[in-house]
Amino acid sequence: MKRYLRKCFAAGLALSIVFGSMAAVQVSAEELPAEVSVTASEALQNESVISALAINKGESLTINASASGGTGEYAYAVQWKKGSDTSWITAQSFSENTEITLTPAKATDYRICVKVRDSSGTIEKKFFDVTVTDVAPLQNESDISALTINKGESL
C-alpha cells in the first residue's frame, strides 16, 4: 500500500509540474519518492539598458536589449510613444537584433518599452522614460573694445 501511495504521489507531482497546477504542496525531501526529480528554471528577466535618459533634439538613443533566465532563445521588440500619446509606435518587432537606435524628432518626454520573449512565449517588459530637450539656439556673444577708433588703432 505504501509503495502504491508513493507512485500515486509521484505521478500527481509530475502531472502538476507538467500542467502547472496551482495547488501548493509542502513535502520534505524524505517524503519524495526516489524516482522523482524536480528542476527549477529561473524566471525570464529583462536586463535591457538604454544609453541615456535625457538627450537634446537630434541626438540618438541606443537600446541594448538583453535577457536571462526563461527558456531557449530570446527575441526583442521595442515600442515608444510621446508621453501624452496613448498609441505606441513600433521601432522593432520581435527579432534577435539586440541593438536598437532611436532618434526622437521632437523635444518632449517619451516612454520606451523594451519587450523580451523567450521560446516558451513568456514576455517581460521594461520601461524607460526619456526627456528630449531643444538644443539652445546658437548665440553670438562677441564683444568689441570700442565703438570708434582712429586710423591705425586696433580693436
N, C-alpha and C. Protein backbone atom coordinates (compact mmCIF):
# COMPACT_ATOMS: atom_id res chain seq x y z
N MET A 1 0.82 -1.18 0.00
CA MET A 1 0.00 0.00 0.00
C MET A 1 0.88 1.26 0.00
N LYS A 2 1.94 1.24 0.82
CA LYS A 2 2.83 2.40 0.90
C LYS A 2 3.48 2.67 -0.45
N ARG A 3 3.93 1.59 -1.13
CA ARG A 3 4.55 1.72 -2.45
C ARG A 3 3.53 2.30 -3.44
N TYR A 4 2.29 1.87 -3.40
CA TYR A 4 1.24 2.36 -4.28
C TYR A 4 1.01 3.85 -4.05
N LEU A 5 0.95 4.28 -2.80
CA LEU A 5 0.75 5.69 -2.49
C LEU A 5 1.92 6.53 -2.98
N ARG A 6 3.15 6.02 -2.84
CA ARG A 6 4.33 6.75 -3.33
C ARG A 6 4.24 6.94 -4.83
N LYS A 7 3.84 5.89 -5.57
CA LYS A 7 3.72 6.00 -7.02
C LYS A 7 2.61 6.99 -7.40
N CYS A 8 1.50 6.96 -6.69
CA CYS A 8 0.41 7.91 -6.96
C CYS A 8 0.88 9.35 -6.69
N PHE A 9 1.58 9.53 -5.59
CA PHE A 9 2.09 10.86 -5.27
C PHE A 9 3.06 11.34 -6.35
N ALA A 10 3.97 10.47 -6.77
CA ALA A 10 4.95 10.82 -7.80
C ALA A 10 4.24 11.18 -9.10
N ALA A 11 3.24 10.41 -9.48
CA ALA A 11 2.51 10.71 -10.71
C ALA A 11 1.77 12.04 -10.59
N GLY A 12 1.14 12.28 -9.45
CA GLY A 12 0.43 13.54 -9.24
C GLY A 12 1.38 14.73 -9.26
N LEU A 13 2.54 14.58 -8.65
CA LEU A 13 3.53 15.65 -8.64
C LEU A 13 4.02 15.93 -10.05
N ALA A 14 4.29 14.88 -10.81
CA ALA A 14 4.75 15.05 -12.19
C ALA A 14 3.68 15.73 -13.02
N LEU A 15 2.43 15.35 -12.87
CA LEU A 15 1.35 15.99 -13.62
C LEU A 15 1.20 17.45 -13.23
N SER A 16 1.33 17.76 -11.95
CA SER A 16 1.18 19.16 -11.53
C SER A 16 2.32 20.01 -12.07
N ILE A 17 3.51 19.43 -12.20
CA ILE A 17 4.63 20.18 -12.78
C ILE A 17 4.40 20.40 -14.27
N VAL A 18 3.98 19.35 -14.98
CA VAL A 18 3.76 19.44 -16.42
C VAL A 18 2.62 20.40 -16.74
N PHE A 19 1.51 20.33 -16.02
CA PHE A 19 0.33 21.13 -16.33
C PHE A 19 0.23 22.40 -15.50
N GLY A 20 1.23 22.71 -14.71
CA GLY A 20 1.26 23.96 -13.96
C GLY A 20 0.18 24.06 -12.91
N SER A 21 -0.04 23.02 -12.18
CA SER A 21 -1.06 23.03 -11.13
C SER A 21 -0.80 24.15 -10.15
N MET A 22 -1.86 24.80 -9.70
CA MET A 22 -1.73 25.91 -8.78
C MET A 22 -1.79 25.44 -7.32
N ALA A 23 -2.01 24.17 -7.10
CA ALA A 23 -2.12 23.67 -5.73
C ALA A 23 -0.76 23.72 -5.05
N ALA A 24 -0.75 24.20 -3.83
CA ALA A 24 0.50 24.27 -3.06
C ALA A 24 0.65 22.97 -2.28
N VAL A 25 1.81 22.36 -2.43
CA VAL A 25 2.08 21.11 -1.73
C VAL A 25 3.39 21.27 -0.99
N GLN A 26 3.38 20.98 0.30
CA GLN A 26 4.61 21.01 1.08
C GLN A 26 5.04 19.58 1.33
N VAL A 27 6.27 19.26 0.91
CA VAL A 27 6.78 17.91 1.07
C VAL A 27 8.23 18.02 1.49
N SER A 28 8.61 17.25 2.46
CA SER A 28 10.01 17.24 2.86
C SER A 28 10.79 16.35 1.89
N ALA A 29 12.10 16.53 1.84
CA ALA A 29 12.94 15.76 0.93
C ALA A 29 12.82 14.26 1.19
N GLU A 30 12.60 13.86 2.44
CA GLU A 30 12.50 12.44 2.76
C GLU A 30 11.22 11.84 2.19
N GLU A 31 10.19 12.65 2.01
CA GLU A 31 8.91 12.14 1.54
C GLU A 31 8.87 11.94 0.03
N LEU A 32 9.81 12.54 -0.71
CA LEU A 32 9.81 12.40 -2.16
C LEU A 32 10.25 11.01 -2.56
N PRO A 33 9.54 10.38 -3.48
CA PRO A 33 9.99 9.09 -4.00
C PRO A 33 11.33 9.24 -4.70
N ALA A 34 12.13 8.20 -4.68
CA ALA A 34 13.47 8.25 -5.26
C ALA A 34 13.43 8.51 -6.76
N GLU A 35 12.35 8.07 -7.47
CA GLU A 35 12.32 8.23 -8.92
C GLU A 35 11.91 9.62 -9.37
N VAL A 36 11.53 10.51 -8.48
CA VAL A 36 11.07 11.84 -8.86
C VAL A 36 12.22 12.83 -8.74
N SER A 37 12.40 13.61 -9.82
CA SER A 37 13.38 14.70 -9.75
C SER A 37 12.68 15.97 -10.21
N VAL A 38 13.00 17.05 -9.57
CA VAL A 38 12.38 18.33 -9.89
C VAL A 38 13.48 19.31 -10.23
N THR A 39 13.35 19.98 -11.38
CA THR A 39 14.31 21.01 -11.75
C THR A 39 13.57 22.32 -11.87
N ALA A 40 14.12 23.34 -11.28
CA ALA A 40 13.50 24.66 -11.33
C ALA A 40 14.25 25.50 -12.35
N SER A 41 13.50 26.20 -13.19
CA SER A 41 14.15 27.10 -14.14
C SER A 41 14.00 28.53 -13.62
N GLU A 42 15.00 29.33 -13.91
CA GLU A 42 14.99 30.72 -13.47
C GLU A 42 13.97 31.49 -14.31
N ALA A 43 13.25 32.39 -13.68
CA ALA A 43 12.24 33.19 -14.39
C ALA A 43 12.92 34.10 -15.40
N LEU A 44 12.23 34.40 -16.48
CA LEU A 44 12.74 35.29 -17.51
C LEU A 44 12.93 36.69 -16.92
N GLN A 45 14.10 37.27 -17.13
CA GLN A 45 14.42 38.62 -16.64
C GLN A 45 14.79 39.50 -17.82
N ASN A 46 14.19 40.69 -17.89
CA ASN A 46 14.53 41.67 -18.91
C ASN A 46 15.65 42.55 -18.34
N GLU A 47 16.84 42.45 -18.90
CA GLU A 47 18.01 43.18 -18.41
C GLU A 47 18.45 44.27 -19.39
N SER A 48 17.53 44.76 -20.20
CA SER A 48 17.83 45.77 -21.21
C SER A 48 18.26 47.08 -20.56
N VAL A 49 19.13 47.82 -21.27
CA VAL A 49 19.61 49.12 -20.81
C VAL A 49 19.49 50.12 -21.95
N ILE A 50 19.50 51.41 -21.59
CA ILE A 50 19.40 52.48 -22.57
C ILE A 50 20.58 53.43 -22.35
N SER A 51 21.04 54.05 -23.42
CA SER A 51 22.27 54.85 -23.34
C SER A 51 22.11 56.15 -22.56
N ALA A 52 20.91 56.73 -22.51
CA ALA A 52 20.70 57.99 -21.77
C ALA A 52 19.22 58.16 -21.48
N LEU A 53 18.93 58.88 -20.41
CA LEU A 53 17.54 59.19 -20.07
C LEU A 53 17.18 60.63 -20.41
N ALA A 54 18.17 61.41 -20.86
CA ALA A 54 17.95 62.79 -21.29
C ALA A 54 18.92 63.09 -22.43
N ILE A 55 18.36 63.61 -23.53
CA ILE A 55 19.19 63.97 -24.69
C ILE A 55 18.66 65.26 -25.29
N ASN A 56 19.43 65.85 -26.19
CA ASN A 56 18.99 67.01 -26.96
C ASN A 56 18.33 66.53 -28.24
N LYS A 57 17.40 67.33 -28.75
CA LYS A 57 16.74 67.01 -30.01
C LYS A 57 17.81 66.82 -31.09
N GLY A 58 17.66 65.78 -31.89
CA GLY A 58 18.62 65.48 -32.94
C GLY A 58 19.63 64.42 -32.54
N GLU A 59 19.78 64.17 -31.24
CA GLU A 59 20.68 63.11 -30.77
C GLU A 59 19.94 61.78 -30.79
N SER A 60 20.71 60.70 -30.73
CA SER A 60 20.13 59.36 -30.77
C SER A 60 20.29 58.65 -29.43
N LEU A 61 19.40 57.70 -29.20
CA LEU A 61 19.45 56.80 -28.04
C LEU A 61 19.78 55.41 -28.56
N THR A 62 20.56 54.67 -27.81
CA THR A 62 20.84 53.29 -28.15
C THR A 62 20.27 52.40 -27.06
N ILE A 63 19.48 51.44 -27.46
CA ILE A 63 18.91 50.47 -26.54
C ILE A 63 19.66 49.16 -26.75
N ASN A 64 20.21 48.61 -25.68
CA ASN A 64 20.85 47.30 -25.73
C ASN A 64 19.95 46.33 -25.01
N ALA A 65 19.23 45.53 -25.80
CA ALA A 65 18.27 44.58 -25.25
C ALA A 65 19.01 43.31 -24.83
N SER A 66 18.68 42.82 -23.64
CA SER A 66 19.27 41.57 -23.17
C SER A 66 18.34 40.93 -22.14
N ALA A 67 18.57 39.65 -21.93
CA ALA A 67 17.72 38.90 -21.01
C ALA A 67 18.50 37.76 -20.38
N SER A 68 17.92 37.21 -19.33
CA SER A 68 18.46 36.00 -18.71
C SER A 68 17.28 35.17 -18.21
N GLY A 69 17.56 33.92 -17.90
CA GLY A 69 16.51 33.03 -17.41
C GLY A 69 15.58 32.61 -18.53
N GLY A 70 14.40 32.17 -18.16
CA GLY A 70 13.44 31.73 -19.16
C GLY A 70 13.92 30.47 -19.86
N THR A 71 13.37 30.25 -21.05
CA THR A 71 13.73 29.05 -21.81
C THR A 71 14.10 29.40 -23.23
N GLY A 72 15.15 28.78 -23.71
CA GLY A 72 15.53 28.87 -25.11
C GLY A 72 16.03 30.22 -25.56
N GLU A 73 15.83 30.49 -26.85
CA GLU A 73 16.30 31.71 -27.49
C GLU A 73 15.41 32.90 -27.13
N TYR A 74 15.98 34.11 -27.24
CA TYR A 74 15.24 35.33 -26.93
C TYR A 74 14.98 36.12 -28.21
N ALA A 75 13.86 36.86 -28.20
CA ALA A 75 13.54 37.82 -29.26
C ALA A 75 13.20 39.13 -28.56
N TYR A 76 13.51 40.25 -29.23
CA TYR A 76 13.36 41.57 -28.61
C TYR A 76 12.49 42.47 -29.49
N ALA A 77 11.63 43.26 -28.85
CA ALA A 77 10.81 44.24 -29.54
C ALA A 77 10.91 45.55 -28.79
N VAL A 78 10.78 46.67 -29.53
CA VAL A 78 10.84 47.99 -28.91
C VAL A 78 9.69 48.83 -29.44
N GLN A 79 8.98 49.46 -28.52
CA GLN A 79 7.92 50.39 -28.86
C GLN A 79 8.16 51.68 -28.10
N TRP A 80 7.66 52.80 -28.65
CA TRP A 80 7.83 54.08 -27.99
C TRP A 80 6.62 54.95 -28.26
N LYS A 81 6.44 55.95 -27.43
CA LYS A 81 5.37 56.92 -27.61
C LYS A 81 5.74 58.21 -26.91
N LYS A 82 5.14 59.29 -27.38
CA LYS A 82 5.29 60.55 -26.67
C LYS A 82 4.53 60.39 -25.36
N GLY A 83 5.00 61.07 -24.33
CA GLY A 83 4.39 60.93 -23.01
C GLY A 83 2.89 61.15 -22.98
N SER A 84 2.38 62.07 -23.80
CA SER A 84 0.95 62.39 -23.78
C SER A 84 0.12 61.51 -24.71
N ASP A 85 0.76 60.76 -25.59
CA ASP A 85 0.04 59.91 -26.54
C ASP A 85 -0.45 58.63 -25.88
N THR A 86 -1.46 58.03 -26.50
CA THR A 86 -1.97 56.75 -26.00
C THR A 86 -1.58 55.59 -26.91
N SER A 87 -1.19 55.88 -28.15
CA SER A 87 -0.82 54.80 -29.06
C SER A 87 0.70 54.67 -29.16
N TRP A 88 1.15 53.44 -29.26
CA TRP A 88 2.57 53.12 -29.32
C TRP A 88 3.03 52.98 -30.77
N ILE A 89 4.27 53.34 -31.04
CA ILE A 89 4.89 53.18 -32.35
C ILE A 89 5.93 52.07 -32.22
N THR A 90 5.91 51.13 -33.15
CA THR A 90 6.86 50.02 -33.11
C THR A 90 8.16 50.42 -33.79
N ALA A 91 9.24 50.40 -33.03
CA ALA A 91 10.57 50.68 -33.58
C ALA A 91 11.20 49.38 -34.08
N GLN A 92 10.88 48.26 -33.42
CA GLN A 92 11.36 46.94 -33.85
C GLN A 92 10.37 45.90 -33.39
N SER A 93 9.91 45.06 -34.32
CA SER A 93 9.09 43.91 -33.96
C SER A 93 10.02 42.85 -33.38
N PHE A 94 9.44 41.79 -32.81
CA PHE A 94 10.28 40.75 -32.19
C PHE A 94 11.32 40.24 -33.18
N SER A 95 12.57 40.32 -32.75
CA SER A 95 13.73 39.98 -33.58
C SER A 95 14.88 39.58 -32.67
N GLU A 96 15.89 38.93 -33.24
CA GLU A 96 17.08 38.60 -32.48
C GLU A 96 18.02 39.79 -32.33
N ASN A 97 17.76 40.88 -33.07
CA ASN A 97 18.59 42.09 -33.01
C ASN A 97 18.55 42.66 -31.59
N THR A 98 19.72 42.89 -31.00
CA THR A 98 19.78 43.36 -29.62
C THR A 98 20.13 44.84 -29.48
N GLU A 99 20.52 45.50 -30.58
CA GLU A 99 20.86 46.92 -30.50
C GLU A 99 19.92 47.72 -31.38
N ILE A 100 19.16 48.60 -30.75
CA ILE A 100 18.15 49.40 -31.44
C ILE A 100 18.46 50.87 -31.20
N THR A 101 18.47 51.66 -32.26
CA THR A 101 18.76 53.09 -32.15
C THR A 101 17.51 53.89 -32.46
N LEU A 102 17.20 54.86 -31.61
CA LEU A 102 16.07 55.76 -31.81
C LEU A 102 16.59 57.20 -31.87
N THR A 103 16.00 58.00 -32.77
CA THR A 103 16.33 59.42 -32.85
C THR A 103 15.01 60.19 -32.78
N PRO A 104 14.59 60.61 -31.59
CA PRO A 104 13.33 61.32 -31.46
C PRO A 104 13.35 62.64 -32.24
N ALA A 105 12.22 62.95 -32.89
CA ALA A 105 12.15 64.13 -33.75
C ALA A 105 11.70 65.39 -33.02
N LYS A 106 11.06 65.25 -31.89
CA LYS A 106 10.52 66.41 -31.17
C LYS A 106 11.07 66.48 -29.75
N ALA A 107 11.13 67.70 -29.25
CA ALA A 107 11.54 67.91 -27.86
C ALA A 107 10.32 67.70 -26.98
N THR A 108 10.28 66.59 -26.28
CA THR A 108 9.19 66.25 -25.37
C THR A 108 9.62 65.05 -24.54
N ASP A 109 8.73 64.56 -23.69
CA ASP A 109 9.00 63.36 -22.90
C ASP A 109 8.51 62.14 -23.68
N TYR A 110 9.29 61.07 -23.64
CA TYR A 110 8.95 59.83 -24.33
C TYR A 110 8.93 58.67 -23.34
N ARG A 111 8.14 57.67 -23.65
CA ARG A 111 8.08 56.42 -22.90
C ARG A 111 8.52 55.33 -23.87
N ILE A 112 9.50 54.53 -23.46
CA ILE A 112 10.03 53.46 -24.31
C ILE A 112 9.80 52.13 -23.60
N CYS A 113 9.30 51.15 -24.34
CA CYS A 113 9.05 49.82 -23.80
C CYS A 113 9.90 48.81 -24.56
N VAL A 114 10.73 48.09 -23.83
CA VAL A 114 11.54 47.02 -24.42
C VAL A 114 10.92 45.70 -23.96
N LYS A 115 10.56 44.85 -24.92
CA LYS A 115 9.96 43.56 -24.61
C LYS A 115 10.95 42.45 -24.94
N VAL A 116 11.01 41.45 -24.06
CA VAL A 116 11.82 40.26 -24.28
C VAL A 116 10.88 39.07 -24.28
N ARG A 117 11.01 38.21 -25.29
CA ARG A 117 10.19 37.00 -25.37
C ARG A 117 11.12 35.79 -25.46
N ASP A 118 10.86 34.77 -24.63
CA ASP A 118 11.66 33.55 -24.73
C ASP A 118 10.93 32.54 -25.61
N SER A 119 11.54 31.39 -25.84
CA SER A 119 10.98 30.40 -26.77
C SER A 119 9.68 29.77 -26.27
N SER A 120 9.37 29.91 -24.98
CA SER A 120 8.11 29.38 -24.47
C SER A 120 6.97 30.39 -24.62
N GLY A 121 7.30 31.61 -25.10
CA GLY A 121 6.27 32.63 -25.30
C GLY A 121 6.12 33.59 -24.13
N THR A 122 6.89 33.41 -23.08
CA THR A 122 6.85 34.32 -21.94
C THR A 122 7.42 35.67 -22.36
N ILE A 123 6.75 36.76 -21.96
CA ILE A 123 7.21 38.10 -22.31
C ILE A 123 7.42 38.92 -21.03
N GLU A 124 8.56 39.58 -20.97
CA GLU A 124 8.87 40.51 -19.87
C GLU A 124 9.10 41.89 -20.48
N LYS A 125 8.49 42.91 -19.89
CA LYS A 125 8.63 44.28 -20.38
C LYS A 125 9.48 45.11 -19.42
N LYS A 126 10.18 46.09 -19.99
CA LYS A 126 10.93 47.05 -19.19
C LYS A 126 10.70 48.42 -19.81
N PHE A 127 10.39 49.41 -18.96
CA PHE A 127 10.06 50.74 -19.43
C PHE A 127 11.14 51.75 -19.07
N PHE A 128 11.33 52.72 -19.97
CA PHE A 128 12.26 53.82 -19.75
C PHE A 128 11.53 55.12 -20.07
N ASP A 129 11.75 56.15 -19.25
CA ASP A 129 11.23 57.49 -19.51
C ASP A 129 12.39 58.36 -19.94
N VAL A 130 12.26 58.96 -21.12
CA VAL A 130 13.34 59.75 -21.71
C VAL A 130 12.84 61.16 -21.97
N THR A 131 13.67 62.15 -21.63
CA THR A 131 13.35 63.56 -21.89
C THR A 131 14.24 64.06 -23.02
N VAL A 132 13.60 64.63 -24.04
CA VAL A 132 14.32 65.23 -25.16
C VAL A 132 14.08 66.74 -25.10
N THR A 133 15.17 67.50 -25.02
CA THR A 133 15.06 68.96 -24.93
C THR A 133 15.56 69.61 -26.22
N ASP A 134 15.05 70.83 -26.47
CA ASP A 134 15.53 71.60 -27.62
C ASP A 134 16.97 71.99 -27.40
N VAL A 135 17.72 71.98 -28.46
CA VAL A 135 19.10 72.45 -28.39
C VAL A 135 19.02 73.97 -28.30
N ALA A 136 19.79 74.55 -27.40
CA ALA A 136 19.80 76.01 -27.26
C ALA A 136 20.23 76.63 -28.58
N PRO A 137 19.55 77.68 -29.04
CA PRO A 137 19.94 78.30 -30.31
C PRO A 137 21.33 78.92 -30.20
N LEU A 138 22.03 78.91 -31.30
CA LEU A 138 23.37 79.49 -31.35
C LEU A 138 23.26 80.99 -31.13
N GLN A 139 24.07 81.52 -30.23
CA GLN A 139 24.07 82.95 -29.93
C GLN A 139 25.47 83.50 -30.14
N ASN A 140 25.54 84.67 -30.74
CA ASN A 140 26.80 85.36 -30.94
C ASN A 140 27.01 86.28 -29.75
N GLU A 141 27.98 85.98 -28.93
CA GLU A 141 28.25 86.78 -27.74
C GLU A 141 29.57 87.54 -27.87
N SER A 142 29.91 87.88 -29.11
CA SER A 142 31.15 88.63 -29.36
C SER A 142 31.04 90.03 -28.79
N ASP A 143 32.20 90.61 -28.49
CA ASP A 143 32.25 91.95 -27.93
C ASP A 143 33.46 92.67 -28.54
N ILE A 144 33.36 93.97 -28.64
CA ILE A 144 34.49 94.75 -29.13
C ILE A 144 34.91 95.74 -28.06
N SER A 145 36.17 96.16 -28.15
CA SER A 145 36.71 97.03 -27.10
C SER A 145 36.29 98.49 -27.24
N ALA A 146 35.88 98.91 -28.43
CA ALA A 146 35.47 100.31 -28.63
C ALA A 146 34.54 100.38 -29.82
N LEU A 147 33.67 101.38 -29.83
CA LEU A 147 32.76 101.55 -30.94
C LEU A 147 33.38 102.42 -32.05
N THR A 148 34.32 103.24 -31.68
CA THR A 148 35.03 104.06 -32.68
C THR A 148 36.53 104.00 -32.40
N ILE A 149 37.30 104.06 -33.47
CA ILE A 149 38.76 104.07 -33.32
C ILE A 149 39.34 105.03 -34.36
N ASN A 150 40.58 105.45 -34.13
CA ASN A 150 41.31 106.27 -35.11
C ASN A 150 42.09 105.38 -36.02
N LYS A 151 42.40 105.91 -37.19
CA LYS A 151 43.15 105.16 -38.18
C LYS A 151 44.47 104.69 -37.53
N GLY A 152 44.76 103.35 -37.71
CA GLY A 152 45.99 102.78 -37.17
C GLY A 152 45.81 102.14 -35.81
N GLU A 153 44.70 102.38 -35.09
CA GLU A 153 44.46 101.76 -33.80
C GLU A 153 43.87 100.35 -34.00
N SER A 154 44.01 99.54 -33.01
CA SER A 154 43.49 98.16 -33.06
C SER A 154 42.29 98.00 -32.15
N LEU A 155 41.47 97.04 -32.49
CA LEU A 155 40.33 96.66 -31.63
C LEU A 155 40.68 95.42 -30.85
